[in-house]
Amino acid sequence: MTEDRIDFSPLDPTEDAERFEGIVASISDAAAPALATRRARASVVGQVGLWWKPLLAAAALAGIVSVGALLHYQASATTIAELEDVGIAEAIGVPSQIADWVRSDEAPTTAELLWALEEQS
């Protein structure tokens, strides 16, 4: 390795100022139509206009999933009254007698607890 510093001056684009300004001007001229289009879309209405197709697709997908879930829900539940009678504990598989004990303040006797657990086995 050498201690000499590398001379990067040949890579300096601003060394020839006139040439550099010409390059910048040509790039600006080439980008002007695209920048004008972006400025026109910068309004709220323009942004919503760009997103209407993806939003419509997302809404359609949400509707399809919702209809599928409702059909599945109606097929698995016979009546709404049956669903209202089922609590969270029963829905996750806790025996009804144990769920009642948890909801109330009374503690079960050892015999009642063993009887409820044997019933589930």
N, C-alpha and C. Protein backbone atom coordinates (compact mmCIF):
# COMPACT_ATOMS: atom_id res chain seq x y z
N MET A 1 0.82 -1.17 0.00
CA MET A 1 0.00 0.00 0.00
C MET A 1 0.87 1.25 0.00
N THR A 2 0.42 2.22 -0.72
CA THR A 2 1.20 3.46 -0.79
C THR A 2 0.52 4.54 0.03
N GLU A 3 1.31 5.49 0.43
CA GLU A 3 0.82 6.62 1.22
C GLU A 3 0.31 7.75 0.32
N ASP A 4 0.51 7.63 -0.99
CA ASP A 4 0.10 8.69 -1.91
C ASP A 4 -1.42 8.76 -1.99
N ARG A 5 -1.92 9.97 -2.05
CA ARG A 5 -3.36 10.19 -2.19
C ARG A 5 -3.75 10.00 -3.65
N ILE A 6 -4.93 9.48 -3.86
CA ILE A 6 -5.44 9.28 -5.21
C ILE A 6 -6.02 10.59 -5.71
N ASP A 7 -5.71 10.92 -6.94
CA ASP A 7 -6.18 12.16 -7.55
C ASP A 7 -7.50 11.87 -8.29
N PHE A 8 -8.60 12.35 -7.75
CA PHE A 8 -9.92 12.15 -8.35
C PHE A 8 -10.36 13.35 -9.20
N SER A 9 -9.51 14.30 -9.43
CA SER A 9 -9.90 15.49 -10.17
C SER A 9 -10.35 15.19 -11.61
N PRO A 10 -9.86 14.17 -12.30
CA PRO A 10 -10.40 13.88 -13.63
C PRO A 10 -11.86 13.43 -13.60
N LEU A 11 -12.34 12.98 -12.47
CA LEU A 11 -13.73 12.54 -12.36
C LEU A 11 -14.68 13.67 -11.97
N ASP A 12 -14.15 14.84 -11.68
CA ASP A 12 -14.97 15.97 -11.26
C ASP A 12 -15.81 16.48 -12.43
N PRO A 13 -17.16 16.38 -12.36
CA PRO A 13 -17.98 16.82 -13.48
C PRO A 13 -18.05 18.34 -13.60
N THR A 14 -17.75 19.06 -12.54
CA THR A 14 -17.85 20.52 -12.57
C THR A 14 -16.57 21.19 -13.04
N GLU A 15 -15.57 20.40 -13.44
CA GLU A 15 -14.31 20.99 -13.90
C GLU A 15 -14.53 21.84 -15.15
N ASP A 16 -15.31 21.33 -16.08
CA ASP A 16 -15.70 22.11 -17.25
C ASP A 16 -17.13 22.59 -16.99
N ALA A 17 -17.25 23.81 -16.45
CA ALA A 17 -18.53 24.33 -15.99
C ALA A 17 -19.55 24.43 -17.12
N GLU A 18 -19.15 24.84 -18.29
CA GLU A 18 -20.08 24.99 -19.40
C GLU A 18 -20.66 23.64 -19.82
N ARG A 19 -19.81 22.65 -19.91
CA ARG A 19 -20.26 21.29 -20.28
C ARG A 19 -21.20 20.73 -19.20
N PHE A 20 -20.85 20.96 -17.95
CA PHE A 20 -21.66 20.47 -16.84
C PHE A 20 -23.05 21.10 -16.86
N GLU A 21 -23.13 22.41 -17.07
CA GLU A 21 -24.43 23.10 -17.14
C GLU A 21 -25.25 22.60 -18.32
N GLY A 22 -24.60 22.28 -19.43
CA GLY A 22 -25.30 21.73 -20.58
C GLY A 22 -25.91 20.38 -20.28
N ILE A 23 -25.18 19.54 -19.55
CA ILE A 23 -25.70 18.22 -19.18
C ILE A 23 -26.90 18.36 -18.24
N VAL A 24 -26.77 19.26 -17.26
CA VAL A 24 -27.87 19.49 -16.32
C VAL A 24 -29.10 20.00 -17.06
N ALA A 25 -28.92 20.92 -17.99
CA ALA A 25 -30.04 21.47 -18.75
C ALA A 25 -30.70 20.40 -19.60
N SER A 26 -29.91 19.52 -20.23
CA SER A 26 -30.50 18.47 -21.06
C SER A 26 -31.28 17.46 -20.21
N ILE A 27 -30.76 17.16 -19.05
CA ILE A 27 -31.48 16.25 -18.16
C ILE A 27 -32.78 16.89 -17.69
N SER A 28 -32.73 18.17 -17.34
CA SER A 28 -33.94 18.88 -16.91
C SER A 28 -34.97 18.94 -18.02
N ASP A 29 -34.52 19.20 -19.25
CA ASP A 29 -35.44 19.24 -20.39
C ASP A 29 -36.08 17.87 -20.64
N ALA A 30 -35.29 16.82 -20.51
CA ALA A 30 -35.81 15.47 -20.74
C ALA A 30 -36.80 15.06 -19.65
N ALA A 31 -36.60 15.52 -18.43
CA ALA A 31 -37.47 15.14 -17.31
C ALA A 31 -38.68 16.05 -17.17
N ALA A 32 -38.75 17.15 -17.89
CA ALA A 32 -39.83 18.12 -17.74
C ALA A 32 -41.22 17.51 -17.93
N PRO A 33 -41.47 16.70 -18.96
CA PRO A 33 -42.83 16.14 -19.10
C PRO A 33 -43.21 15.23 -17.93
N ALA A 34 -42.29 14.40 -17.48
CA ALA A 34 -42.59 13.51 -16.37
C ALA A 34 -42.84 14.30 -15.09
N LEU A 35 -42.06 15.36 -14.86
CA LEU A 35 -42.27 16.19 -13.68
C LEU A 35 -43.59 16.93 -13.73
N ALA A 36 -43.99 17.38 -14.92
CA ALA A 36 -45.28 18.06 -15.07
C ALA A 36 -46.42 17.10 -14.77
N THR A 37 -46.30 15.86 -15.20
CA THR A 37 -47.32 14.86 -14.92
C THR A 37 -47.42 14.60 -13.42
N ARG A 38 -46.28 14.50 -12.76
CA ARG A 38 -46.29 14.28 -11.31
C ARG A 38 -46.91 15.47 -10.58
N ARG A 39 -46.61 16.68 -11.03
CA ARG A 39 -47.20 17.85 -10.38
C ARG A 39 -48.72 17.87 -10.54
N ALA A 40 -49.20 17.44 -11.71
CA ALA A 40 -50.65 17.42 -11.95
C ALA A 40 -51.32 16.39 -11.05
N ARG A 41 -50.65 15.30 -10.74
CA ARG A 41 -51.22 14.25 -9.90
C ARG A 41 -51.05 14.54 -8.41
N ALA A 42 -50.37 15.60 -8.06
CA ALA A 42 -50.08 15.90 -6.66
C ALA A 42 -51.32 16.31 -5.88
N SER A 43 -52.41 16.68 -6.56
CA SER A 43 -53.62 17.08 -5.85
C SER A 43 -54.27 15.85 -5.22
N VAL A 44 -55.17 16.08 -4.29
CA VAL A 44 -55.86 14.98 -3.62
C VAL A 44 -56.69 14.19 -4.63
N VAL A 45 -57.37 14.89 -5.49
CA VAL A 45 -58.20 14.23 -6.49
C VAL A 45 -57.32 13.39 -7.43
N GLY A 46 -56.17 13.92 -7.79
CA GLY A 46 -55.25 13.18 -8.65
C GLY A 46 -54.73 11.92 -7.97
N GLN A 47 -54.42 12.01 -6.70
CA GLN A 47 -53.94 10.83 -5.96
C GLN A 47 -55.02 9.77 -5.83
N VAL A 48 -56.25 10.20 -5.53
CA VAL A 48 -57.36 9.24 -5.43
C VAL A 48 -57.61 8.60 -6.79
N GLY A 49 -57.47 9.39 -7.83
CA GLY A 49 -57.64 8.84 -9.18
C GLY A 49 -56.63 7.76 -9.50
N LEU A 50 -55.43 7.89 -8.98
CA LEU A 50 -54.42 6.86 -9.22
C LEU A 50 -54.71 5.58 -8.45
N TRP A 51 -55.39 5.69 -7.33
CA TRP A 51 -55.60 4.54 -6.46
C TRP A 51 -56.96 3.88 -6.63
N TRP A 52 -57.81 4.34 -7.53
CA TRP A 52 -59.16 3.80 -7.58
C TRP A 52 -59.19 2.35 -8.01
N LYS A 53 -58.34 1.93 -8.91
CA LYS A 53 -58.35 0.52 -9.34
C LYS A 53 -57.88 -0.42 -8.22
N PRO A 54 -56.74 -0.14 -7.54
CA PRO A 54 -56.37 -1.02 -6.43
C PRO A 54 -57.39 -1.01 -5.29
N LEU A 55 -57.99 0.17 -5.02
CA LEU A 55 -59.00 0.23 -3.97
C LEU A 55 -60.24 -0.57 -4.34
N LEU A 56 -60.63 -0.51 -5.59
CA LEU A 56 -61.78 -1.27 -6.05
C LEU A 56 -61.50 -2.77 -5.95
N ALA A 57 -60.30 -3.18 -6.31
CA ALA A 57 -59.92 -4.60 -6.20
C ALA A 57 -59.91 -5.04 -4.74
N ALA A 58 -59.40 -4.21 -3.84
CA ALA A 58 -59.37 -4.56 -2.41
C ALA A 58 -60.79 -4.64 -1.85
N ALA A 59 -61.65 -3.73 -2.26
CA ALA A 59 -63.04 -3.76 -1.79
C ALA A 59 -63.76 -5.01 -2.29
N ALA A 60 -63.51 -5.38 -3.54
CA ALA A 60 -64.12 -6.59 -4.08
C ALA A 60 -63.63 -7.83 -3.33
N LEU A 61 -62.34 -7.88 -3.05
CA LEU A 61 -61.78 -9.01 -2.30
C LEU A 61 -62.37 -9.08 -0.90
N ALA A 62 -62.49 -7.94 -0.22
CA ALA A 62 -63.08 -7.91 1.11
C ALA A 62 -64.54 -8.37 1.07
N GLY A 63 -65.26 -7.97 0.05
CA GLY A 63 -66.65 -8.41 -0.10
C GLY A 63 -66.76 -9.91 -0.32
N ILE A 64 -65.89 -10.46 -1.15
CA ILE A 64 -65.92 -11.90 -1.42
C ILE A 64 -65.59 -12.68 -0.14
N VAL A 65 -64.57 -12.24 0.58
CA VAL A 65 -64.20 -12.92 1.83
C VAL A 65 -65.33 -12.81 2.85
N SER A 66 -65.97 -11.66 2.94
CA SER A 66 -67.07 -11.48 3.89
C SER A 66 -68.25 -12.37 3.56
N VAL A 67 -68.60 -12.46 2.28
CA VAL A 67 -69.71 -13.32 1.88
C VAL A 67 -69.38 -14.77 2.19
N GLY A 68 -68.15 -15.18 1.91
CA GLY A 68 -67.74 -16.55 2.22
C GLY A 68 -67.81 -16.84 3.71
N ALA A 69 -67.37 -15.89 4.52
CA ALA A 69 -67.41 -16.07 5.97
C ALA A 69 -68.86 -16.14 6.46
N LEU A 70 -69.73 -15.31 5.92
CA LEU A 70 -71.14 -15.34 6.33
C LEU A 70 -71.80 -16.65 5.94
N LEU A 71 -71.51 -17.14 4.75
CA LEU A 71 -72.09 -18.42 4.33
C LEU A 71 -71.60 -19.55 5.22
N HIS A 72 -70.32 -19.53 5.55
CA HIS A 72 -69.77 -20.55 6.44
C HIS A 72 -70.38 -20.43 7.83
N TYR A 73 -70.58 -19.25 8.30
CA TYR A 73 -71.14 -18.99 9.63
C TYR A 73 -72.59 -19.48 9.68
N GLN A 74 -73.35 -19.20 8.65
CA GLN A 74 -74.74 -19.62 8.61
C GLN A 74 -74.86 -21.14 8.49
N ALA A 75 -73.93 -21.75 7.80
CA ALA A 75 -73.97 -23.20 7.64
C ALA A 75 -73.62 -23.92 8.94
N SER A 76 -72.74 -23.33 9.75
CA SER A 76 -72.32 -24.00 10.98
C SER A 76 -73.22 -23.72 12.16
N ALA A 77 -73.96 -22.63 12.15
CA ALA A 77 -74.85 -22.28 13.26
C ALA A 77 -76.29 -22.43 12.81
N THR A 78 -77.05 -23.22 13.55
CA THR A 78 -78.43 -23.43 13.11
C THR A 78 -79.30 -22.23 13.42
N THR A 79 -79.18 -21.67 14.60
CA THR A 79 -79.97 -20.49 14.93
C THR A 79 -79.13 -19.50 15.71
N ILE A 80 -79.52 -18.27 15.69
CA ILE A 80 -78.81 -17.23 16.44
C ILE A 80 -79.03 -17.43 17.94
N ALA A 81 -80.18 -17.95 18.31
CA ALA A 81 -80.46 -18.18 19.73
C ALA A 81 -79.47 -19.18 20.32
N GLU A 82 -79.13 -20.21 19.55
CA GLU A 82 -78.14 -21.18 20.03
C GLU A 82 -76.78 -20.52 20.21
N LEU A 83 -76.43 -19.60 19.33
CA LEU A 83 -75.15 -18.92 19.43
C LEU A 83 -75.10 -17.99 20.63
N GLU A 84 -76.21 -17.37 20.97
CA GLU A 84 -76.23 -16.47 22.11
C GLU A 84 -76.09 -17.22 23.43
N ASP A 85 -76.56 -18.47 23.47
CA ASP A 85 -76.48 -19.25 24.69
C ASP A 85 -75.07 -19.77 24.95
N VAL A 86 -74.24 -19.84 23.92
CA VAL A 86 -72.89 -20.37 24.06
C VAL A 86 -71.97 -19.23 24.50
N GLY A 87 -71.28 -19.44 25.61
CA GLY A 87 -70.35 -18.44 26.09
C GLY A 87 -68.96 -18.70 25.53
N ILE A 88 -68.02 -17.85 25.90
CA ILE A 88 -66.64 -18.00 25.42
C ILE A 88 -66.03 -19.29 25.94
N ALA A 89 -66.29 -19.59 27.21
CA ALA A 89 -65.71 -20.79 27.80
C ALA A 89 -66.19 -22.05 27.08
N GLU A 90 -67.50 -22.13 26.81
CA GLU A 90 -68.03 -23.29 26.10
C GLU A 90 -67.51 -23.35 24.68
N ALA A 91 -67.33 -22.18 24.04
CA ALA A 91 -66.85 -22.14 22.67
C ALA A 91 -65.43 -22.68 22.54
N ILE A 92 -64.61 -22.51 23.59
CA ILE A 92 -63.24 -23.01 23.52
C ILE A 92 -63.08 -24.40 24.14
N GLY A 93 -64.23 -24.99 24.58
CA GLY A 93 -64.18 -26.37 25.02
C GLY A 93 -64.14 -26.59 26.52
N VAL A 94 -64.36 -25.56 27.32
CA VAL A 94 -64.40 -25.73 28.77
C VAL A 94 -65.77 -26.33 29.12
N PRO A 95 -65.81 -27.36 29.94
CA PRO A 95 -67.10 -27.94 30.32
C PRO A 95 -68.01 -26.90 30.96
N SER A 96 -69.31 -27.03 30.72
CA SER A 96 -70.26 -26.01 31.19
C SER A 96 -70.29 -25.91 32.71
N GLN A 97 -70.16 -27.06 33.41
CA GLN A 97 -70.17 -27.01 34.87
C GLN A 97 -68.98 -26.22 35.41
N ILE A 98 -67.80 -26.42 34.82
CA ILE A 98 -66.60 -25.69 35.25
C ILE A 98 -66.73 -24.21 34.91
N ALA A 99 -67.29 -23.90 33.74
CA ALA A 99 -67.50 -22.51 33.36
C ALA A 99 -68.45 -21.81 34.33
N ASP A 100 -69.49 -22.53 34.77
CA ASP A 100 -70.41 -21.94 35.76
C ASP A 100 -69.70 -21.67 37.07
N TRP A 101 -68.82 -22.57 37.50
CA TRP A 101 -68.06 -22.35 38.74
C TRP A 101 -67.15 -21.13 38.63
N VAL A 102 -66.54 -20.98 37.48
CA VAL A 102 -65.64 -19.84 37.28
C VAL A 102 -66.42 -18.53 37.32
N ARG A 103 -67.62 -18.53 36.74
CA ARG A 103 -68.44 -17.32 36.71
C ARG A 103 -69.00 -16.96 38.09
N SER A 104 -69.27 -17.97 38.91
CA SER A 104 -69.85 -17.70 40.23
C SER A 104 -68.74 -17.59 41.27
N ASP A 105 -69.13 -17.22 42.46
CA ASP A 105 -68.16 -17.06 43.54
C ASP A 105 -68.02 -18.33 44.38
N GLU A 106 -68.88 -19.32 44.16
CA GLU A 106 -68.81 -20.53 44.98
C GLU A 106 -67.76 -21.48 44.43
N ALA A 107 -67.06 -22.10 45.34
CA ALA A 107 -66.04 -23.08 44.95
C ALA A 107 -66.66 -24.47 44.96
N PRO A 108 -66.31 -25.29 44.01
CA PRO A 108 -66.88 -26.64 43.98
C PRO A 108 -66.23 -27.51 45.06
N THR A 109 -66.97 -28.50 45.45
CA THR A 109 -66.38 -29.47 46.37
C THR A 109 -65.46 -30.38 45.57
N THR A 110 -64.65 -31.12 46.27
CA THR A 110 -63.72 -32.02 45.59
C THR A 110 -64.49 -33.07 44.80
N ALA A 111 -65.57 -33.56 45.35
CA ALA A 111 -66.37 -34.58 44.67
C ALA A 111 -66.98 -34.02 43.39
N GLU A 112 -67.51 -32.80 43.46
CA GLU A 112 -68.10 -32.18 42.26
C GLU A 112 -67.04 -31.96 41.18
N LEU A 113 -65.87 -31.54 41.58
CA LEU A 113 -64.79 -31.30 40.63
C LEU A 113 -64.36 -32.61 39.96
N LEU A 114 -64.18 -33.66 40.75
CA LEU A 114 -63.81 -34.96 40.18
C LEU A 114 -64.91 -35.49 39.27
N TRP A 115 -66.16 -35.30 39.66
CA TRP A 115 -67.28 -35.77 38.84
C TRP A 115 -67.30 -35.04 37.48
N ALA A 116 -67.08 -33.73 37.50
CA ALA A 116 -67.09 -32.94 36.25
C ALA A 116 -65.93 -33.33 35.36
N LEU A 117 -64.76 -33.58 35.94
CA LEU A 117 -63.61 -33.97 35.13
C LEU A 117 -63.76 -35.38 34.57
N GLU A 118 -64.37 -36.32 35.35
CA GLU A 118 -64.59 -37.67 34.86
C GLU A 118 -65.62 -37.68 33.74
N GLU A 119 -66.59 -36.78 33.80
CA GLU A 119 -67.61 -36.70 32.76
C GLU A 119 -66.99 -36.35 31.42
N GLN A 120 -65.93 -35.54 31.42
CA GLN A 120 -65.26 -35.12 30.18
C GLN A 120 -64.36 -36.20 29.62
N SER A 121 -63.92 -37.13 30.45
CA SER A 121 -62.97 -38.16 29.99
C SER A 121 -63.62 -39.21 29.17
